[in-house]
Protein backbone atom coordinates (compact mmCIF):
# COMPACT_ATOMS: atom_id res chain seq x y z
CA MET A 1 0.06 0.48 -0.55
CA ARG A 2 1.16 3.16 -1.11
CA SER A 3 1.84 6.35 1.35
CA TYR A 4 -0.55 8.34 0.24
CA TYR A 5 -3.83 9.84 1.96
CA SER A 6 -6.84 11.98 0.75
CA GLY A 7 -8.90 13.68 3.54
CA PRO A 8 -12.74 13.35 2.89
CA SER A 9 -15.21 15.42 3.01
CA THR A 10 -18.81 16.73 1.91
CA THR A 11 -18.79 19.43 2.58
CA PRO A 12 -17.44 22.39 -0.20
CA LEU A 13 -14.93 24.88 -0.35
CA LEU A 14 -16.18 28.17 0.65
CA GLY A 15 -15.27 30.44 -2.82
CA ALA A 16 -15.86 33.66 -1.02
CA THR A 17 -13.28 36.41 0.59
CA ILE A 18 -12.44 37.26 3.58
CA GLY A 19 -14.91 40.99 3.68
CA GLU A 20 -16.97 38.33 3.21
CA ALA A 21 -17.08 36.28 5.69
CA LEU A 22 -17.18 38.35 8.24
CA ARG A 23 -19.97 39.86 6.13
CA SER A 24 -21.88 36.77 6.07
CA THR A 25 -22.03 35.90 9.84
CA SER A 26 -21.89 38.55 11.08
CA GLU A 27 -25.84 38.40 9.61
CA ARG A 28 -26.51 35.40 11.33
CA VAL A 29 -25.32 35.43 14.46
CA PRO A 30 -24.78 40.00 15.38
CA ASP A 31 -25.57 40.01 18.94
CA ALA A 32 -23.04 36.50 19.74
CA LEU A 33 -19.42 37.69 20.24
CA ALA A 34 -16.87 38.05 18.34
CA LEU A 35 -13.96 39.44 20.29
CA VAL A 36 -12.37 40.42 23.44
CA SER A 37 -9.07 41.45 23.78
CA ARG A 38 -8.41 41.89 27.82
CA HIS A 39 -5.23 43.58 28.06
CA GLN A 40 -7.39 46.31 26.11
CA GLY A 41 -11.00 46.13 28.15
CA VAL A 42 -12.36 45.36 24.47
CA ARG A 43 -15.75 42.91 24.03
CA LEU A 44 -16.99 43.62 21.09
CA THR A 45 -20.17 42.05 18.93
CA TRP A 46 -19.62 40.33 15.72
CA ARG A 47 -21.54 43.64 14.24
CA GLU A 48 -19.27 45.11 15.93
CA LEU A 49 -16.33 43.33 14.89
CA ASP A 50 -18.14 43.75 11.14
CA GLN A 51 -18.85 47.78 11.38
CA GLN A 52 -15.37 48.80 12.47
CA ALA A 53 -13.12 46.88 10.05
CA ASP A 54 -15.83 48.81 7.82
CA GLU A 55 -15.10 52.69 8.72
CA LEU A 56 -11.17 51.62 8.51
CA ALA A 57 -11.51 49.61 4.82
CA ARG A 58 -12.76 53.76 4.73
CA GLY A 59 -10.21 54.89 6.09
CA LEU A 60 -8.08 53.06 4.09
CA LEU A 61 -9.03 53.82 0.45
CA ALA A 62 -8.99 57.50 2.16
CA SER A 63 -5.11 56.50 1.61
CA GLY A 64 -4.98 55.57 -1.03
CA ILE A 65 -5.07 52.30 -0.06
CA GLN A 66 -5.65 49.54 -2.56
CA LYS A 67 -6.07 46.19 -4.15
CA GLY A 68 -3.03 44.89 -4.29
CA ASP A 69 -1.10 47.36 -2.57
CA ARG A 70 0.77 45.92 0.78
CA VAL A 71 0.49 47.00 4.70
CA GLY A 72 2.16 46.07 7.45
CA ILE A 73 1.58 45.43 10.78
CA TRP A 74 4.04 45.28 13.49
CA SER A 75 2.18 44.82 16.56
CA PRO A 76 2.31 42.73 18.97
CA THR A 77 -1.67 41.29 19.67
CA CYS A 78 -4.33 43.88 20.17
CA VAL A 79 -7.58 45.23 18.88
CA GLU A 80 -6.10 46.77 16.05
CA TRP A 81 -4.25 43.39 14.64
CA THR A 82 -7.09 42.18 13.95
CA LEU A 83 -9.17 45.07 12.19
CA LEU A 84 -6.72 46.03 10.21
CA GLN A 85 -6.93 42.15 9.26
CA MET A 86 -10.44 42.12 8.17
CA ALA A 87 -10.49 45.95 7.20
CA SER A 88 -7.90 44.60 4.00
CA GLY A 89 -10.36 41.27 3.51
CA ARG A 90 -12.58 44.30 2.49
CA VAL A 91 -10.32 46.65 0.12
CA GLY A 92 -8.11 43.88 -1.05
CA SER A 93 -4.99 44.58 0.39
CA ILE A 94 -1.72 42.54 1.26
CA LEU A 95 -1.32 42.69 4.52
CA VAL A 96 2.13 41.47 5.28
CA ASN A 97 2.44 39.82 8.72
CA VAL A 98 6.30 41.61 10.41
CA ASN A 99 7.51 40.02 13.43
CA PRO A 100 6.96 42.03 16.91
CA ALA A 101 10.90 40.42 17.66
CA TYR A 102 12.47 41.48 14.22
CA ARG A 103 15.52 44.04 15.21
CA THR A 104 16.61 46.52 12.11
CA ALA A 105 17.73 44.36 9.10
CA GLU A 106 15.23 42.18 9.43
CA LEU A 107 12.45 44.87 9.50
CA SER A 108 13.79 46.48 6.91
CA TYR A 109 14.65 43.38 4.69
CA ALA A 110 10.95 41.93 4.95
CA LEU A 111 9.55 45.93 4.61
CA SER A 112 12.00 46.60 1.25
CA HIS A 113 11.54 43.46 -0.71
CA SER A 114 7.33 43.70 -0.48
CA ALA A 115 7.20 47.22 -0.33
CA VAL A 116 5.40 48.08 1.87
CA ARG A 117 3.65 51.10 0.91
CA MET A 118 2.19 51.45 3.95
CA LEU A 119 3.02 50.00 8.06
CA VAL A 120 0.74 49.98 11.17
CA THR A 121 3.19 49.41 14.43
CA ALA A 122 2.75 49.69 17.67
CA PRO A 123 5.18 52.16 18.67
CA ARG A 124 6.75 49.93 21.30
CA PHE A 125 6.82 45.78 22.56
CA LYS A 126 8.76 44.61 25.02
CA SER A 127 12.83 45.99 25.05
CA SER A 128 12.12 46.74 21.56
CA ASP A 129 11.35 50.60 21.08
CA TYR A 130 9.51 50.11 17.36
CA LEU A 131 9.35 54.19 16.41
CA ALA A 132 13.15 54.44 16.64
CA MET A 133 13.73 51.97 14.46
CA LEU A 134 12.22 52.53 11.37
CA SER A 135 14.16 56.09 12.64
CA GLU A 136 17.11 53.93 11.68
CA VAL A 137 15.21 52.36 8.75
CA ARG A 138 12.86 54.21 6.82
CA PRO A 139 15.14 56.29 4.92
CA THR A 140 16.08 53.32 3.26
CA LEU A 141 12.30 52.23 2.35
CA PRO A 142 11.63 54.30 -0.26
CA ALA A 143 8.01 52.63 -0.99
CA LEU A 144 7.14 53.14 2.19
CA GLU A 145 4.77 56.43 2.08
CA CYS A 146 2.27 56.26 5.32
CA VAL A 147 3.42 55.12 9.41
CA VAL A 148 0.56 54.32 10.99
CA VAL A 149 1.03 54.05 15.21
CA ILE A 150 -1.77 52.36 17.18
CA GLY A 151 -2.52 54.28 20.66
CA GLU A 152 0.19 56.46 20.76
CA ALA A 153 0.22 60.40 19.45
CA PRO A 154 2.00 60.69 16.32
CA GLY A 155 5.65 61.16 16.17
CA GLY A 156 9.42 60.14 15.21
CA PRO A 157 8.84 58.63 12.48
CA ALA A 158 5.34 57.99 12.62
CA ASP A 159 2.59 60.35 10.39
CA ARG A 160 -0.72 59.69 12.41
CA SER A 161 -2.32 57.00 14.34
CA PHE A 162 -4.61 54.37 14.56
CA GLU A 163 -7.54 56.57 15.58
CA ASP A 164 -6.59 59.27 12.98
CA LEU A 165 -6.84 55.91 10.20
CA VAL A 166 -10.05 55.08 10.54
CA ALA A 167 -11.49 59.18 10.96
CA GLY A 168 -10.31 59.24 7.84
CA GLY A 169 -12.17 57.29 6.37
CA ALA A 170 -15.93 59.16 7.32
CA ALA A 171 -15.08 61.46 4.76
CA VAL A 172 -15.45 57.98 2.35
CA ASP A 173 -18.97 56.49 1.34
CA PRO A 174 -19.89 53.21 2.83
CA GLN A 175 -20.31 52.24 -1.33
CA MET A 176 -16.19 53.17 -1.50
CA VAL A 177 -15.92 49.66 0.49
CA ARG A 178 -18.67 47.26 -1.69
CA ASP A 179 -17.23 48.61 -4.57
CA ALA A 180 -13.42 47.54 -3.72
CA GLU A 181 -15.50 44.67 -3.26
CA SER A 182 -16.69 44.31 -5.08
CA LEU A 183 -13.87 43.73 -7.61
CA LEU A 184 -11.83 41.13 -5.26
CA ASP A 185 -11.40 37.14 -5.94
CA PRO A 186 -11.54 34.35 -4.03
CA ASP A 187 -7.94 33.18 -5.91
CA ASP A 188 -6.18 36.88 -4.83
CA PRO A 189 -3.74 36.59 -2.57
CA ILE A 190 -4.57 38.39 0.58
CA ASN A 191 -1.04 37.73 3.14
CA ILE A 192 2.27 38.19 3.35
CA GLN A 193 4.24 36.12 5.93
CA TYR A 194 8.11 36.03 6.46
CA THR A 195 9.50 32.80 6.68
CA SER A 196 13.75 32.34 7.10
CA GLY A 197 15.22 31.28 4.97
CA THR A 198 18.50 28.99 3.92
CA THR A 199 20.63 31.66 2.60
CA GLY A 200 20.12 34.37 5.52
CA SER A 201 17.40 35.98 3.29
CA PRO A 202 13.80 35.24 4.73
CA LYS A 203 10.81 34.11 2.30
CA GLY A 204 7.02 36.03 2.43
CA ALA A 205 4.39 32.19 1.51
CA THR A 206 1.86 34.34 0.12
CA LEU A 207 -1.92 33.35 0.90
CA THR A 208 -4.56 33.97 -0.58
CA HIS A 209 -8.29 34.02 1.02
CA HIS A 210 -8.91 30.57 -1.04
CA ASN A 211 -5.89 29.77 1.68
CA ILE A 212 -5.71 30.87 4.14
CA LEU A 213 -10.23 31.11 4.84
CA ASN A 214 -10.94 27.11 3.92
CA ASN A 215 -8.03 26.32 5.98
CA ALA A 216 -9.61 27.58 8.98
CA ARG A 217 -12.33 27.00 8.23
CA SER A 218 -12.09 22.93 8.31
CA ILE A 219 -9.66 22.87 11.67
CA ALA A 220 -13.03 24.67 13.12
CA ASP A 221 -15.37 22.09 11.84
CA VAL A 222 -13.31 19.47 12.25
CA LEU A 223 -13.40 20.69 16.08
CA GLU A 224 -17.81 21.10 15.61
CA TYR A 225 -17.28 25.22 16.91
CA THR A 226 -20.90 27.12 17.30
CA ASP A 227 -20.80 30.78 18.08
CA ALA A 228 -21.18 29.12 21.48
CA ASP A 229 -18.38 28.44 21.61
CA ARG A 230 -15.22 31.00 22.67
CA VAL A 231 -11.77 30.33 21.66
CA CYS A 232 -8.46 31.38 23.86
CA ILE A 233 -5.44 32.32 21.82
CA PRO A 234 -2.75 33.05 23.02
CA VAL A 235 -0.52 32.08 19.69
CA PRO A 236 0.07 35.17 18.29
CA LEU A 237 -1.25 36.56 15.42
CA TYR A 238 1.40 37.65 13.69
CA HIS A 239 1.56 33.64 12.76
CA CYS A 240 -0.86 31.43 10.60
CA PHE A 241 -1.66 29.63 14.02
CA GLY A 242 -2.94 33.47 15.17
CA MET A 243 -4.48 35.48 12.72
CA GLY A 244 -5.18 32.21 10.59
CA ILE A 245 -6.54 29.27 12.58
CA GLY A 246 -7.64 31.86 14.89
CA SER A 247 -9.08 34.34 13.94
CA LEU A 248 -10.77 33.27 11.07
CA GLY A 249 -11.58 29.84 12.19
CA CYS A 250 -13.38 31.92 14.46
CA VAL A 251 -14.80 34.17 11.87
CA THR A 252 -16.39 31.51 9.97
CA SER A 253 -17.85 29.46 13.09
CA GLY A 254 -18.90 32.37 14.88
CA ALA A 255 -17.10 31.74 17.15
CA ALA A 256 -15.27 34.20 19.89
CA MET A 257 -11.22 35.09 19.38
CA VAL A 258 -10.44 35.76 23.19
CA TYR A 259 -7.57 37.32 23.86
CA PRO A 260 -5.41 37.06 26.86
CA ALA A 261 -2.84 39.44 26.43
CA GLU A 262 -0.51 40.95 23.80
CA SER A 263 1.95 38.58 24.02
CA PHE A 264 2.13 34.40 25.68
CA GLU A 265 2.31 34.78 29.33
CA PRO A 266 0.69 31.28 31.00
CA GLU A 267 -0.48 33.06 34.91
CA THR A 268 -2.61 35.77 32.03
CA THR A 269 -3.49 32.36 29.56
CA LEU A 270 -5.03 30.43 32.58
CA ASP A 271 -6.89 33.29 33.46
CA ALA A 272 -8.43 33.84 30.45
CA ILE A 273 -9.43 30.61 30.41
CA ALA A 274 -11.16 30.22 33.85
CA GLU A 275 -13.02 34.23 33.70
CA GLU A 276 -14.42 33.85 29.88
CA SER A 277 -14.98 30.03 30.41
CA CYS A 278 -13.07 29.20 27.28
CA THR A 279 -14.23 26.37 25.36
CA SER A 280 -10.92 25.32 23.21
CA ILE A 281 -7.57 26.13 23.79
CA TYR A 282 -3.92 27.36 21.26
CA GLY A 283 -0.65 26.98 21.54
CA VAL A 284 2.09 25.21 21.05
CA PRO A 285 4.18 23.20 23.50
CA THR A 286 6.17 25.29 25.24
CA MET A 287 3.07 27.27 26.71
CA PHE A 288 0.84 24.41 27.58
CA ILE A 289 4.57 23.37 29.12
CA ALA A 290 4.74 27.24 31.14
CA MET A 291 1.38 26.59 32.17
CA LEU A 292 1.14 23.28 33.73
CA ALA A 293 4.41 24.36 35.62
CA SER A 294 2.54 27.78 36.76
CA PRO A 295 2.04 27.72 40.80
CA ARG A 296 -1.61 28.97 40.49
CA PHE A 297 -2.06 25.97 38.18
CA GLY A 298 -4.41 25.10 40.52
CA ASP A 299 -6.32 27.93 41.04
CA HIS A 300 -7.94 28.12 37.87
CA ASP A 301 -10.44 26.30 37.42
CA LEU A 302 -10.43 24.31 32.98
CA ARG A 303 -12.89 22.63 34.01
CA SER A 304 -14.96 25.09 30.54
CA LEU A 305 -12.21 23.67 28.44
CA ARG A 306 -13.27 20.17 25.71
CA THR A 307 -10.89 20.58 22.99
CA GLY A 308 -8.10 23.17 21.23
CA ILE A 309 -5.21 22.45 19.45
CA MET A 310 -1.12 21.98 20.65
CA ALA A 311 1.28 23.01 16.97
CA GLY A 312 4.10 24.59 16.06
CA ALA A 313 6.23 22.37 17.48
CA PRO A 314 7.44 18.52 18.15
CA CYS A 315 4.45 17.85 20.62
CA PRO A 316 5.49 15.97 23.79
CA VAL A 317 3.65 13.10 24.27
CA GLU A 318 3.57 13.08 28.83
CA ILE A 319 2.78 17.04 27.72
CA MET A 320 -0.33 15.89 25.51
CA LYS A 321 -1.43 13.70 28.27
CA ARG A 322 -1.50 16.51 30.92
CA VAL A 323 -2.99 18.64 29.09
CA VAL A 324 -5.74 16.54 28.00
CA ASN A 325 -5.94 15.23 32.13
CA GLU A 326 -5.05 18.21 33.84
CA MET A 327 -6.96 21.12 31.65
CA HIS A 328 -9.33 18.90 31.03
CA ALA A 329 -9.76 18.70 27.19
CA SER A 330 -10.52 15.99 26.45
CA GLU A 331 -11.07 16.22 23.06
CA MET A 332 -7.51 18.05 22.44
CA THR A 333 -5.97 17.26 18.87
CA ILE A 334 -3.04 18.36 16.92
CA ALA A 335 -1.74 19.20 14.39
CA TYR A 336 0.23 19.21 11.77
CA GLY A 337 2.37 22.18 9.21
CA MET A 338 3.88 24.54 7.77
CA THR A 339 3.25 28.72 6.75
CA GLU A 340 3.62 27.55 3.14
CA THR A 341 0.17 25.53 3.97
CA SER A 342 -2.16 27.75 4.78
CA PRO A 343 -0.78 26.99 7.88
CA ALA A 344 -2.20 22.97 8.53
CA SER A 345 -1.94 19.87 6.66
CA ALA A 346 -2.46 16.52 9.10
CA MET A 347 -4.47 17.12 12.59
CA THR A 348 -6.47 14.71 15.48
CA ARG A 349 -9.63 13.97 15.49
CA ARG A 350 -11.33 15.09 18.27
CA TRP A 351 -12.71 11.29 18.19
CA ASP A 352 -9.47 9.32 17.72
CA ASP A 353 -8.20 7.89 20.31
CA LEU A 354 -5.80 8.66 22.90
CA GLU A 355 -2.90 7.01 21.14
CA ARG A 356 -3.46 8.40 18.47
CA ARG A 357 -3.81 11.86 19.11
CA THR A 358 -0.91 12.14 21.67
CA SER A 359 1.55 10.63 19.23
CA THR A 360 1.02 10.78 15.82
CA VAL A 361 -0.03 14.51 13.97
CA GLY A 362 -3.54 12.58 12.62
CA THR A 363 -4.59 12.36 9.20
CA ALA A 364 -5.22 15.47 6.39
CA LEU A 365 -7.79 17.07 6.25
CA PRO A 366 -10.57 17.05 4.95
CA HIS A 367 -9.67 17.66 0.98
CA VAL A 368 -6.43 17.85 1.78
CA GLU A 369 -3.81 14.95 -0.31
CA ILE A 370 -0.81 13.58 2.23
CA LYS A 371 1.87 11.67 0.28
CA ILE A 372 5.10 10.30 1.97
CA ALA A 373 8.16 9.47 -1.15
CA ASP A 374 11.12 9.01 -1.76
CA PRO A 375 13.44 12.11 -1.19
CA LEU A 376 15.44 10.81 -4.20
CA SER A 377 13.78 9.63 -6.39
CA GLY A 378 10.58 11.47 -5.75
CA GLY A 379 7.89 8.32 -5.93
CA THR A 380 5.35 7.46 -3.91
CA VAL A 381 7.18 5.44 -0.07
CA PRO A 382 4.46 2.32 1.18
CA THR A 383 3.30 2.88 4.01
CA GLY A 384 5.66 1.77 7.59
CA THR A 385 8.08 4.00 5.31
CA PRO A 386 9.92 6.56 5.60
CA GLY A 387 10.57 9.51 3.37
CA GLU A 388 9.53 13.43 2.69
CA LEU A 389 6.26 14.21 3.41
CA CYS A 390 4.71 16.18 0.83
CA ALA A 391 1.36 18.08 0.67
CA ARG A 392 -1.87 19.01 -2.10
CA GLY A 393 -4.65 20.95 -2.63
CA TYR A 394 -6.58 24.44 -2.19
CA LEU A 395 -3.84 25.58 1.28
CA VAL A 396 0.16 25.90 -0.93
CA MET A 397 1.03 28.80 -0.72
CA ASP A 398 0.46 30.89 -4.41
CA GLY A 399 3.62 31.15 -4.02
CA TYR A 400 7.58 33.13 -2.63
CA TRP A 401 7.30 36.71 -2.97
CA ARG A 402 9.22 37.64 -5.45
CA ASN A 403 11.28 35.17 -5.76
CA PRO A 404 10.18 32.27 -8.61
CA GLU A 405 13.34 30.05 -7.42
CA ALA A 406 12.66 29.66 -4.43
CA THR A 407 8.77 28.48 -5.13
CA ALA A 408 9.66 25.73 -7.50
CA GLU A 409 11.75 24.67 -5.47
CA ALA A 410 9.49 24.13 -3.01
CA ILE A 411 6.62 23.43 -5.11
CA ASP A 412 6.43 20.83 -7.38
CA SER A 413 4.96 20.40 -11.61
CA CYS A 414 1.90 18.67 -10.51
CA GLY A 415 1.61 20.70 -7.03
CA TRP A 416 3.13 19.20 -4.35
CA MET A 417 4.50 21.50 -1.76
CA HIS A 418 7.10 19.75 -0.38
CA THR A 419 7.57 19.64 3.61
CA GLY A 420 10.91 19.46 3.99
CA ASP A 421 10.15 16.83 7.22
CA LEU A 422 10.59 12.69 7.12
CA ALA A 423 7.89 11.36 8.37
CA VAL A 424 5.36 7.99 8.56
CA MET A 425 2.88 6.81 6.97
CA ASP A 426 0.64 4.06 9.08
CA GLY A 427 -1.72 1.77 6.75
CA ASP A 428 -4.77 4.17 7.94
CA GLY A 429 -3.41 7.49 7.32
CA TYR A 430 -2.37 8.63 10.46
CA VAL A 431 1.42 10.46 10.00
CA ASN A 432 3.88 10.37 12.75
CA ILE A 433 6.71 12.83 11.52
CA VAL A 434 9.85 11.08 12.11
CA GLY A 435 12.53 14.20 11.39
CA ARG A 436 13.70 16.52 8.72
CA SER A 437 14.93 16.72 5.76
CA LYS A 438 15.74 20.43 5.40
CA ASP A 439 17.96 21.84 8.08
CA MET A 440 15.46 23.80 10.17
CA VAL A 441 15.69 24.52 14.21
CA ILE A 442 12.47 24.53 16.17
CA ARG A 443 12.38 26.27 18.86
CA GLY A 444 9.02 26.98 20.76
CA GLY A 445 7.15 27.36 17.85
CA GLU A 446 10.17 29.47 15.99
CA ASN A 447 11.60 27.89 12.42
CA ILE A 448 15.19 29.14 12.59
CA TYR A 449 17.50 28.26 10.02
CA PRO A 450 20.92 27.54 10.97
CA ARG A 451 22.59 28.97 7.79
CA GLU A 452 21.21 33.07 8.53
CA VAL A 453 22.34 32.75 12.16
CA GLU A 454 26.35 31.26 11.14
CA GLU A 455 25.74 33.75 8.42
CA VAL A 456 25.61 36.24 11.64
CA LEU A 457 28.68 35.34 13.25
CA PHE A 458 30.13 34.72 9.86
CA GLN A 459 30.37 39.12 9.31
CA HIS A 460 32.37 38.60 13.07
CA PRO A 461 35.80 40.22 11.80
CA GLY A 462 37.68 37.18 14.47
CA VAL A 463 35.53 34.87 13.79
CA ALA A 464 36.61 31.83 11.13
CA SER A 465 34.20 29.73 10.68
CA ALA A 466 30.92 28.13 12.54
CA GLN A 467 28.83 26.18 12.72
CA VAL A 468 24.46 25.51 13.77
CA ILE A 469 22.92 23.34 15.04
CA GLY A 470 19.49 22.33 17.25
CA VAL A 471 19.23 20.10 20.26
CA PRO A 472 16.87 18.98 22.99
CA ASP A 473 14.82 20.80 24.84
CA GLU A 474 12.21 19.53 27.28
CA ARG A 475 10.36 23.15 27.85
CA MET A 476 11.30 24.75 23.58
CA GLY A 477 10.96 21.90 21.86
CA GLU A 478 14.77 21.90 20.10
CA GLU A 479 17.59 25.28 21.74
CA LEU A 480 20.19 26.13 19.61
CA MET A 481 24.08 25.61 20.04
CA ALA A 482 26.68 27.78 17.73
CA TRP A 483 29.84 26.11 17.22
CA VAL A 484 32.85 28.26 16.94
CA ALA A 485 36.11 28.57 15.06
CA LEU A 486 37.94 32.08 16.10
CA ASP A 487 40.94 33.05 13.50
CA GLU A 488 44.14 32.33 14.92
CA GLY A 489 45.33 34.40 17.64
CA GLN A 490 41.74 35.25 18.77
CA THR A 491 40.10 34.44 21.86
CA MET A 492 36.82 35.62 22.53
CA THR A 493 34.06 34.49 25.09
CA GLU A 494 30.46 32.84 24.68
CA GLU A 495 28.84 36.36 25.45
CA GLN A 496 31.17 38.57 23.74
CA LEU A 497 29.47 36.34 20.39
CA ARG A 498 25.67 37.21 22.01
CA GLY A 499 25.88 40.85 22.38
CA PHE A 500 27.68 40.63 18.74
CA CYS A 501 24.48 38.47 17.57
CA ARG A 502 22.21 40.67 19.57
CA ASP A 503 22.08 44.05 17.62
CA ARG A 504 21.89 41.85 14.58
CA LEU A 505 18.87 38.63 14.58
CA ALA A 506 15.77 38.24 16.54
CA HIS A 507 16.32 37.63 20.10
CA PHE A 508 14.56 33.87 19.35
CA LYS A 509 17.84 33.21 17.34
CA ILE A 510 20.57 34.12 19.88
CA PRO A 511 22.04 30.85 19.97
CA ARG A 512 22.34 29.14 24.37
CA TYR A 513 24.73 27.44 23.88
CA TRP A 514 28.58 28.00 22.87
CA LYS A 515 30.98 25.44 22.40
CA PHE A 516 34.56 26.86 20.67
CA VAL A 517 36.21 24.19 18.75
CA SER A 518 39.71 23.95 16.45
CA ASP A 519 37.81 22.16 13.75
CA PHE A 520 34.29 20.55 13.09
CA PRO A 521 33.26 16.80 12.04
CA LEU A 522 33.87 16.37 7.85
CA THR A 523 32.78 13.28 5.06
CA VAL A 524 35.66 11.63 3.70
CA THR A 525 34.87 15.08 0.86
CA GLY A 526 35.44 17.41 3.38
CA LYS A 527 31.22 18.40 4.44
CA VAL A 528 29.74 19.10 8.01
CA GLN A 529 28.26 16.23 9.75
CA LYS A 530 25.83 18.03 12.43
CA PHE A 531 24.49 14.96 12.68
CA LYS A 532 27.88 13.30 14.67
CA MET A 533 27.87 17.38 15.44
CA ARG A 534 24.53 16.79 17.51
CA GLU A 535 25.04 13.78 18.89
CA ILE A 536 28.13 15.22 20.27
CA ALA A 537 27.04 18.13 22.39
CA VAL A 538 24.01 15.79 23.06
CA ALA A 539 26.42 13.75 25.49
CA GLU A 540 29.14 17.38 26.26
CA LEU A 541 25.60 19.12 27.93
CA GLY A 542 24.46 16.17 29.09
CA LEU A 543 20.16 16.63 27.37
CA GLU A 544 20.36 12.77 26.92
CA GLU A 545 16.87 12.70 28.85
CA ALA A 546 16.12 15.43 26.69
CA ALA A 547 16.42 13.85 24.10
CA GLN A 548 14.60 10.65 24.78
CA ILE A 549 11.17 13.20 24.63
CA GLU A 550 8.18 10.94 22.81
CA THR A 551 7.09 13.56 20.51
CA ALA A 552 4.13 12.85 17.51
């Protein structure tokens, strides 16, 4: 039997845009709760969310934003993020998600590469002064015409406030929004999400209305959401998990979005579940680990939970079992995917037995095909045989923005998206991820390509060579480790290299572990053997127990 599975469905795909889906839900359940942003003290019904999205859409039109224009959003979780997503879906502007952890070089690349015309930004986040960073890079961004700041009077590089952007739409006839919407097609690109690149330059996965709306609706259907459900969304909105499966899943089902805080904190998330009577919880494994480890975990009544999704990184089996038993999420699921597949291609089901729900990533979602291919020949391997997981269907991205070469490498001539993950499929179509054929590290849900970090280290004048690997970690799934060879006569400390990286990389890309070496394990042809480096690191760092953690 070949390792091939097609997700069955009796429900047709949606042929709608994001704006149309929002309006449909607003008309169906206008007074049901749509969104709760606890840290902002905001509660909106579907009618109110729809109206405010329309007002912002008029503001975008008043500012000259049209179909196909790129509008960036650089902010932690907030109501304004979601309103901009919905308003973009109405006027057809392409929303560019900017990682809140980006530093100036990464910010400049994303905005320049996508030619963002308008950037909506928070003034700051944690230790990052966004406006100061924008002041530094704005002269290098000729396409950037307008910076809109959330929650603060404009200053520095900002041209106007978010409130001013909305107010500017008052002079625009509401019919203009309908006219703009009439020009849109579900297959139009509506979102660009940057993923770390293997050569140091991130790639912009370009997603359509059809991609992300149907993926979100499909998952909401699997979880059987109704307008009685309340979904706790502590995952960041700049990820497809948050703004796709999270926000759009609620748009298609009428369930309420609950944002516990501007970024994940275990206590505020537990508070939100208990106080808002959430029925579903989303998170990467590290979030669930942190919640279960909270000193206040036992103080919360979590019995309202019934389901949720753990995704974004390999899911430890024991953690999954604890979420089912101790957090009362008896129908908890695991989802597997990547940004390029909008994002989920496989998922366990609520009715699967606990063994399958904790040791596999499930089967293909409805309308999705999955196969396991031989990495060399490309042929579909027999069941039980490891190979590269490939996915095909409505969910495969439109392509990488302005990068046809990378697109052609990722999506073959038959439409299969090659994930780079090694997997095994059983006779019933259930998939287990066994490794990665591409050199990618997943740290707490963040995808990191070692080459990007290596290239930064290579910029240091005292570094002769550097190799970066992922090593197992009980909490984060994986951590980065850098092996560094210095130029002859050079001396250096870990902290000096961390400081060098701190100004050039997002915090999650800075290696936790460092090893100074004179050479690296090599093959006879001179290629670095990273698997041997990992074996050595596990032994030297005492990570044997973490390496044995079973994941789905």
